[in-house]
Protein backbone atom coordinates (compact mmCIF):
# COMPACT_ATOMS: atom_id res chain seq x y z
CA UNK A 1 -41.13 12.41 -26.02
CA UNK A 2 -44.20 13.71 -24.10
CA UNK A 3 -44.76 11.85 -20.81
CA UNK A 4 -48.23 10.57 -21.79
CA UNK A 5 -46.93 9.16 -25.08
CA UNK A 6 -43.94 7.59 -23.34
CA UNK A 7 -46.27 5.92 -20.83
CA UNK A 8 -48.48 4.58 -23.63
CA UNK A 9 -45.41 3.13 -25.32
CA UNK A 10 -44.29 1.36 -22.14
CA UNK A 11 -47.80 0.04 -21.47
CA UNK A 12 -48.08 -1.23 -25.05
CA UNK A 13 -44.87 -3.23 -24.89
CA UNK A 14 -45.75 -4.67 -21.49
CA UNK A 15 -49.13 -5.76 -22.87
CA UNK A 16 -47.46 -7.15 -25.97
CA UNK A 17 -44.97 -9.20 -23.96
CA UNK A 18 -47.73 -10.41 -21.64
CA UNK A 19 -49.86 -11.47 -24.59
CA UNK A 20 -46.99 -13.36 -26.18
CA UNK A 21 -46.17 -15.12 -22.93
CA UNK A 22 -49.75 -16.29 -22.60
CA UNK A 23 -49.77 -17.51 -26.20
CA UNK A 24 -46.61 -19.53 -25.66
CA UNK A 25 -48.04 -21.01 -22.48
CA UNK A 26 -51.19 -22.06 -24.31
CA UNK A 27 -49.06 -23.86 -26.89
CA UNK A 28 -47.16 -25.62 -24.14
CA UNK A 29 -43.82 -24.30 -25.38
CA UNK A 30 -41.83 -24.77 -22.20
CA UNK A 31 -38.50 -26.44 -21.70
CA UNK A 32 -38.86 -30.12 -20.83
CA UNK A 33 -35.98 -31.64 -18.87
CA UNK A 34 -34.60 -34.53 -20.95
CA UNK A 35 -32.93 -36.41 -18.06
CA UNK A 36 -34.54 -38.40 -15.27
CA UNK A 37 -35.05 -37.06 -11.74
CA UNK A 38 -32.50 -39.47 -10.29
CA UNK A 39 -29.79 -37.99 -12.52
CA UNK A 40 -30.15 -34.55 -10.97
CA UNK A 41 -28.85 -33.66 -7.48
CA UNK A 42 -31.39 -32.27 -5.02
CA UNK A 43 -30.78 -28.65 -3.96
CA UNK A 44 -30.26 -27.90 -0.25
CA UNK A 45 -33.40 -27.67 1.87
CA UNK A 46 -34.31 -24.20 3.17
CA UNK A 47 -34.04 -23.18 6.81
CA UNK A 48 -37.17 -21.16 7.53
CA UNK A 49 -35.53 -19.50 10.50
CA UNK A 50 -33.64 -17.53 7.83
CA UNK A 51 -35.97 -14.74 6.68
CA UNK A 52 -34.37 -14.84 3.23
CA UNK A 53 -36.34 -18.05 2.68
CA UNK A 54 -39.62 -16.15 2.87
CA UNK A 55 -40.91 -14.06 -0.03
CA UNK A 56 -43.24 -12.26 2.37
CA UNK A 57 -43.40 -11.78 6.13
CA UNK A 58 -45.43 -9.28 8.14
CA UNK A 59 -43.37 -6.55 9.77
CA UNK A 60 -40.89 -6.60 6.88
CA UNK A 61 -41.18 -4.50 3.74
CA UNK A 62 -41.86 -6.70 0.72
CA UNK A 63 -44.04 -6.86 -2.38
CA UNK A 64 -46.97 -8.43 -0.50
CA UNK A 65 -47.41 -5.11 1.32
CA UNK A 66 -48.29 -3.22 -1.84
CA UNK A 67 -51.84 -2.14 -2.67
CA UNK A 68 -53.49 -0.60 -5.73
CA UNK A 69 -54.59 3.05 -5.29
CA UNK A 70 -57.35 3.64 -2.77
CA UNK A 71 -56.73 0.43 -0.81
CA UNK A 72 -54.89 -0.12 2.46
CA UNK A 73 -52.48 -2.76 3.67
CA UNK A 74 -54.16 -3.90 6.91
CA UNK A 75 -51.55 -6.40 8.08
CA UNK A 76 -50.59 -4.33 11.14
CA UNK A 77 -54.08 -4.63 12.64
CA UNK A 78 -55.20 -7.97 11.15
CA UNK A 79 -56.40 -10.71 13.49
CA UNK A 80 -56.03 -13.41 10.81
CA UNK A 81 -52.94 -14.87 9.09
CA UNK A 82 -52.56 -15.87 5.44
CA UNK A 83 -50.30 -18.74 4.34
CA UNK A 84 -49.73 -18.28 0.61
CA UNK A 85 -47.97 -20.69 -1.80
CA UNK A 86 -46.80 -19.25 -5.13
CA UNK A 87 -47.25 -20.88 -8.58
CA UNK A 88 -44.58 -22.27 -10.93
CA UNK A 89 -42.08 -19.78 -12.28
CA UNK A 90 -39.30 -22.33 -12.85
CA UNK A 91 -39.96 -23.25 -16.48
CA UNK A 92 -36.91 -22.44 -18.60
CA UNK A 93 -33.74 -24.46 -19.15
CA UNK A 94 -32.03 -24.89 -15.75
CA UNK A 95 -28.83 -22.91 -15.35
CA UNK A 96 -27.33 -25.19 -12.67
CA UNK A 97 -26.96 -28.92 -11.97
CA UNK A 98 -30.18 -28.74 -9.94
CA UNK A 99 -32.66 -29.42 -12.70
CA UNK A 100 -35.92 -30.80 -11.32
CA UNK A 101 -36.30 -28.44 -8.36
CA UNK A 102 -35.33 -24.82 -7.88
CA UNK A 103 -32.14 -24.02 -6.04
CA UNK A 104 -33.24 -21.31 -3.59
CA UNK A 105 -29.86 -19.63 -4.07
CA UNK A 106 -31.10 -18.66 -7.55
CA UNK A 107 -31.53 -14.98 -6.72
CA UNK A 108 -32.76 -14.05 -10.18
CA UNK A 109 -35.69 -16.45 -9.94
CA UNK A 110 -36.38 -15.32 -6.38
CA UNK A 111 -36.65 -11.75 -7.65
CA UNK A 112 -39.15 -12.88 -10.29
CA UNK A 113 -41.24 -14.56 -7.58
CA UNK A 114 -41.20 -11.32 -5.61
CA UNK A 115 -41.98 -9.19 -8.67
CA UNK A 116 -44.83 -11.31 -10.04
CA UNK A 117 -46.86 -13.67 -7.80
CA UNK A 118 -45.92 -12.03 -4.50
CA UNK A 119 -46.97 -8.64 -5.82
CA UNK A 120 -49.86 -9.61 -8.10
CA UNK A 121 -51.33 -12.49 -6.07
CA UNK A 122 -50.24 -12.54 -2.42
CA UNK A 123 -50.96 -8.83 -1.99
CA UNK A 124 -54.64 -9.49 -2.73
CA UNK A 125 -54.89 -10.87 0.81
CA UNK A 126 -53.18 -8.07 2.74
CA UNK A 127 -56.53 -6.48 3.56
CA UNK A 128 -57.60 -9.65 5.34
CA UNK A 129 -54.52 -10.93 7.12
CA UNK A 130 -50.81 -10.99 7.80
CA UNK A 131 -49.10 -12.64 4.83
CA UNK A 132 -46.57 -15.45 5.15
CA UNK A 133 -45.25 -16.62 1.78
CA UNK A 134 -42.42 -19.18 1.85
CA UNK A 135 -39.86 -19.72 -0.84
CA UNK A 136 -39.69 -23.40 -1.66
CA UNK A 137 -37.83 -25.72 -4.00
CA UNK A 138 -40.59 -25.52 -6.57
CA UNK A 139 -40.82 -28.33 -9.11
CA UNK A 140 -39.77 -27.46 -12.64
CA UNK A 141 -42.63 -27.06 -15.12
CA UNK A 142 -41.41 -30.33 -16.66
CA UNK A 143 -43.45 -32.20 -14.03
CA UNK A 144 -46.57 -31.20 -15.98
CA UNK A 145 -45.09 -32.38 -19.28
CA UNK A 146 -43.19 -35.55 -18.46
CA UNK A 147 -44.62 -39.01 -19.04
CA UNK A 148 -42.49 -40.36 -16.18
CA UNK A 149 -44.92 -40.18 -13.28
CA UNK A 150 -42.23 -41.23 -10.82
CA UNK A 151 -40.15 -38.17 -11.75
CA UNK A 152 -43.22 -35.97 -11.37
CA UNK A 153 -44.11 -37.35 -7.96
CA UNK A 154 -40.57 -37.14 -6.61
CA UNK A 155 -40.02 -33.58 -7.77
CA UNK A 156 -43.38 -32.41 -6.46
CA UNK A 157 -42.64 -34.30 -3.26
CA UNK A 158 -39.49 -32.26 -2.70
CA UNK A 159 -41.44 -29.06 -3.28
CA UNK A 160 -44.24 -30.10 -0.94
CA UNK A 161 -41.82 -31.09 1.83
CA UNK A 162 -40.65 -27.46 1.92
CA UNK A 163 -44.20 -26.11 2.00
CA UNK A 164 -45.02 -28.41 4.90
CA UNK A 165 -41.82 -27.46 6.74
CA UNK A 166 -42.61 -23.76 6.23
CA UNK A 167 -46.14 -24.27 7.52
CA UNK A 168 -44.84 -26.09 10.61
CA UNK A 169 -42.41 -23.24 11.24
CA UNK A 170 -45.20 -20.71 10.70
CA UNK A 171 -47.40 -22.46 13.27
CA UNK A 172 -44.66 -22.79 15.87
CA UNK A 173 -43.04 -19.38 15.55
CA UNK A 174 -45.50 -16.94 14.01
CA UNK A 175 -49.16 -17.94 14.18
CA UNK A 176 -49.69 -18.08 17.95
CA UNK A 177 -53.07 -19.78 17.67
CA UNK A 178 -54.65 -17.22 15.35
CA UNK A 179 -57.20 -18.02 12.62
CA UNK A 180 -55.61 -18.45 9.20
CA UNK A 181 -56.35 -18.50 5.48
CA UNK A 182 -54.58 -20.89 3.10
CA UNK A 183 -54.10 -19.64 -0.46
CA UNK A 184 -52.23 -20.79 -3.54
CA UNK A 185 -52.27 -20.85 -7.30
CA UNK A 186 -51.37 -23.52 -9.87
CA UNK A 187 -48.48 -25.58 -8.43
CA UNK A 188 -49.03 -23.64 -5.22
CA UNK A 189 -52.61 -24.90 -5.16
CA UNK A 190 -51.42 -28.50 -5.49
CA UNK A 191 -49.22 -28.08 -2.42
CA UNK A 192 -51.84 -26.11 -0.50
CA UNK A 193 -54.45 -28.84 -1.13
CA UNK A 194 -51.99 -31.51 -0.01
CA UNK A 195 -51.24 -29.45 3.11
CA UNK A 196 -54.94 -29.23 3.90
CA UNK A 197 -55.35 -32.98 3.47
CA UNK A 198 -52.34 -34.07 5.51
CA UNK A 199 -51.92 -31.36 8.14
CA UNK A 200 -55.24 -29.58 8.69
CA UNK A 201 -58.38 -31.57 7.89
CA UNK A 202 -59.46 -33.69 10.84
CA UNK A 203 -57.08 -31.97 13.27
CA UNK A 204 -57.64 -29.14 15.77
CA UNK A 205 -56.14 -26.79 13.17
CA UNK A 206 -59.27 -27.16 11.06
CA UNK A 207 -61.18 -25.18 13.67
CA UNK A 208 -58.93 -22.20 12.93
CA UNK A 209 -59.16 -22.40 9.13
CA UNK A 210 -61.08 -19.39 7.82
CA UNK A 211 -61.12 -20.45 4.15
CA UNK A 212 -58.82 -21.96 1.53
CA UNK A 213 -58.46 -20.31 -1.89
CA UNK A 214 -57.31 -22.97 -4.38
CA UNK A 215 -57.56 -21.58 -7.93
CA UNK A 216 -55.71 -22.72 -11.02
CA UNK A 217 -55.84 -26.49 -10.57
CA UNK A 218 -58.66 -29.01 -10.91
CA UNK A 219 -59.66 -29.99 -7.36
CA UNK A 220 -62.20 -32.85 -7.33
CA UNK A 221 -64.95 -32.35 -4.76
CA UNK A 222 -64.12 -35.60 -2.98
CA UNK A 223 -60.35 -34.98 -2.83
CA UNK A 224 -60.61 -32.93 0.35
CA UNK A 225 -63.03 -35.13 2.28
CA UNK A 226 -63.96 -33.48 5.54
CA UNK A 227 -63.60 -29.94 4.21
CA UNK A 228 -66.74 -28.59 2.53
CA UNK A 229 -66.91 -26.43 -0.57
CA UNK A 230 -67.95 -22.85 0.19
CA UNK A 231 -71.48 -22.37 -1.15
CA UNK A 232 -71.73 -18.57 -0.87
CA UNK A 233 -69.71 -15.48 0.04
CA UNK A 234 -70.42 -15.87 3.76
CA UNK A 235 -69.22 -19.45 4.19
CA UNK A 236 -66.20 -20.09 6.40
CA UNK A 237 -64.30 -23.25 7.30
CA UNK A 238 -64.46 -24.32 3.64
CA UNK A 239 -62.61 -24.05 0.33
CA UNK A 240 -63.09 -22.48 -3.08
CA UNK A 241 -61.48 -23.34 -6.40
CA UNK A 242 -61.84 -22.33 -10.03
CA UNK A 243 -60.02 -22.43 -13.37
CA UNK A 244 -60.69 -19.63 -15.85
CA UNK A 245 -61.29 -20.01 -19.61
CA UNK A 246 -62.73 -18.02 -22.47
CA UNK A 247 -66.48 -18.44 -22.88
CA UNK A 248 -67.28 -21.41 -25.09
CA UNK A 249 -63.84 -23.04 -24.79
CA UNK A 250 -63.60 -26.62 -23.58
CA UNK A 251 -59.97 -27.72 -23.17
CA UNK A 252 -58.94 -31.16 -24.46
CA UNK A 253 -58.25 -32.36 -20.91
CA UNK A 254 -61.74 -31.39 -19.70
CA UNK A 255 -63.11 -34.91 -19.29
CA UNK A 256 -60.00 -36.13 -17.51
CA UNK A 257 -59.54 -33.30 -15.03
CA UNK A 258 -62.19 -30.58 -15.06
CA UNK A 259 -65.45 -32.46 -15.53
CA UNK A 260 -65.73 -33.20 -11.81
CA UNK A 261 -63.63 -30.38 -10.44
CA UNK A 262 -64.90 -27.84 -7.96
CA UNK A 263 -65.73 -24.50 -9.57
CA UNK A 264 -66.88 -21.55 -7.47
CA UNK A 265 -67.79 -18.29 -9.21
CA UNK A 266 -65.14 -15.72 -8.11
CA UNK A 267 -67.57 -12.81 -8.46
CA UNK A 268 -70.70 -14.16 -6.74
CA UNK A 269 -68.89 -16.92 -4.74
CA UNK A 270 -71.66 -19.39 -5.54
CA UNK A 271 -71.34 -22.91 -6.91
CA UNK A 272 -73.40 -24.31 -9.77
CA UNK A 273 -76.08 -26.89 -9.14
CA UNK A 274 -76.19 -29.84 -9.45
CA UNK A 275 -72.82 -30.29 -7.78
CA UNK A 276 -70.65 -32.17 -8.30
CA UNK A 277 -71.68 -32.79 -11.89
CA UNK A 278 -72.71 -36.38 -12.63
CA UNK A 279 -71.17 -38.12 -15.63
CA UNK A 280 -74.12 -37.30 -17.85
CA UNK A 281 -74.57 -33.67 -16.89
CA UNK A 282 -72.35 -30.61 -16.87
CA UNK A 283 -73.27 -28.31 -14.02
CA UNK A 284 -74.10 -24.81 -15.17
CA UNK A 285 -74.49 -21.77 -12.97
CA UNK A 286 -76.00 -18.36 -13.69
CA UNK A 287 -74.03 -15.82 -15.66
CA UNK A 288 -72.84 -13.13 -13.25
CA UNK A 289 -72.64 -9.89 -15.28
CA UNK A 290 -69.62 -7.62 -15.45
CA UNK A 291 -71.53 -4.94 -13.55
CA UNK A 292 -70.92 -7.01 -10.41
CA UNK A 293 -67.20 -7.38 -11.09
CA UNK A 294 -65.23 -5.42 -8.48
CA UNK A 295 -62.15 -5.33 -10.61
CA UNK A 296 -58.99 -6.81 -12.03
CA UNK A 297 -55.44 -5.72 -11.28
CA UNK A 298 -53.19 -6.28 -14.25
CA UNK A 299 -50.07 -4.42 -15.37
CA UNK A 300 -49.30 -1.80 -14.23
CA UNK A 301 -50.11 -2.70 -10.62
CA UNK A 302 -51.15 0.89 -9.96
CA UNK A 303 -54.29 0.59 -12.11
CA UNK A 304 -57.63 -1.09 -11.31
CA UNK A 305 -60.00 -2.42 -13.98
CA UNK A 306 -63.55 -2.70 -12.58
CA UNK A 307 -66.39 -4.16 -14.61
CA UNK A 308 -64.31 -5.88 -17.30
CA UNK A 309 -65.27 -9.49 -16.44
CA UNK A 310 -68.40 -11.52 -16.24
CA UNK A 311 -68.20 -15.09 -14.88
CA UNK A 312 -70.18 -18.30 -15.19
CA UNK A 313 -69.53 -21.75 -13.78
CA UNK A 314 -69.78 -24.43 -16.46
CA UNK A 315 -68.67 -27.88 -15.41
CA UNK A 316 -65.46 -27.53 -13.45
CA UNK A 317 -64.57 -24.29 -15.23
CA UNK A 318 -65.30 -20.61 -14.92
CA UNK A 319 -66.10 -19.10 -18.30
CA UNK A 320 -65.54 -15.40 -18.94
CA UNK A 321 -66.36 -13.26 -21.94
CA UNK A 322 -63.07 -11.83 -23.18
CA UNK A 323 -62.20 -8.91 -20.87
CA UNK A 324 -61.68 -5.57 -22.58
CA UNK A 325 -58.82 -3.35 -21.51
CA UNK A 326 -56.11 -1.41 -23.30
CA UNK A 327 -53.95 -3.97 -25.11
CA UNK A 328 -56.35 -6.89 -24.57
CA UNK A 329 -56.45 -7.59 -28.31
CA UNK A 330 -52.98 -9.08 -27.88
CA UNK A 331 -54.30 -11.79 -25.58
CA UNK A 332 -55.05 -14.70 -27.92
CA UNK A 333 -55.19 -17.71 -25.63
CA UNK A 334 -58.56 -19.15 -24.50
CA UNK A 335 -56.83 -20.32 -21.31
CA UNK A 336 -56.86 -17.58 -18.65
CA UNK A 337 -54.82 -19.60 -16.17
CA UNK A 338 -52.38 -16.82 -15.35
CA UNK A 339 -55.34 -14.50 -14.67
CA UNK A 340 -57.15 -16.77 -12.21
CA UNK A 341 -56.35 -14.33 -9.41
CA UNK A 342 -55.52 -11.11 -11.27
CA UNK A 343 -58.78 -10.97 -13.23
CA UNK A 344 -60.70 -11.15 -9.94
CA UNK A 345 -58.15 -9.43 -7.70
CA UNK A 346 -60.57 -6.98 -6.06
CA UNK A 347 -63.33 -9.60 -5.80
CA UNK A 348 -60.94 -11.95 -3.99
CA UNK A 349 -59.63 -9.16 -1.80
CA UNK A 350 -63.10 -8.09 -0.72
CA UNK A 351 -64.23 -11.66 -0.16
CA UNK A 352 -61.18 -12.54 1.95
CA UNK A 353 -61.78 -9.48 4.15
CA UNK A 354 -65.46 -10.40 4.51
CA UNK A 355 -64.83 -14.05 5.40
CA UNK A 356 -62.12 -13.12 7.90
CA UNK A 357 -64.53 -10.74 9.66
CA UNK A 358 -67.28 -13.36 9.58
CA UNK A 359 -64.99 -15.95 11.12
CA UNK A 360 -63.76 -13.67 13.89
CA UNK A 361 -67.33 -12.61 14.74
CA UNK A 362 -68.46 -16.23 14.96
CA UNK A 363 -65.66 -17.36 17.27
């Protein structure tokens, strides 16, 4: 088979699988643990002195060091650190007695974390800072499906305790008083927001916070009191958040979660006004055209897709016209959750570099 045809075949099946995964996610077809949290043993807590409990560390070769063509990993010379918390990948039927939280001895799942979010999300920040990405006993996806709120809180509590322990170890052993960025996605955003609230806001650490990137979860404006929302691309000491959907789509949980959530446009880095939206008004920002889109990084990682996305803040959402790329017809879901970072990979990368430089200049 000619090489070009073989490559097209591989790309097609990757796109097909990706499209099907997104469709299943949109339908909510994930395994839901039938037993209560108290019936499952808790896996052993990680020791962050052991480098195997980090998906990414500077000075060690890992997937966070990778860059798309034409870009450079700047971790060696960076004056800023990045503490990144990965999203949920633990969603299928558990293979061990540890059901509600990941056993970090699950090497297969660890490899998936390295292969997907570490490569496709954490690497977006390696132009701005040295990346520290802990493994943690992530909560099973069941926490977002269960009606037992106590099970949800206890499982997420285990996961957060690891993130906090990793952050404490990072501060004591790695950071050495440097400025830092906090970043997460989905479940990682939940833990990153909790970390900001309990460990950073109102403490001397806040003076070293460059910016927090918190996409993929509804973050109410008043939930991080004391930390402002970034209002433009130059703002530092603030946070940004967004959740991405197809233009015109309003999810059924909009009123409950997104109506008053923070939404910052990940192309222009501006918020809509009025903000936050009052009960009787949905904030609407200007449509930022695809010509301003720096680019997405999808599969394969070696290819950049500039100019395929527009973006507009509507309520607590970011609406995009369906991006066009080879195989995009397979993507049927109006929920672009898994693309919150990848669709704006180069925009996020450039913005993180810019804010880090701004922060260092202002110190």
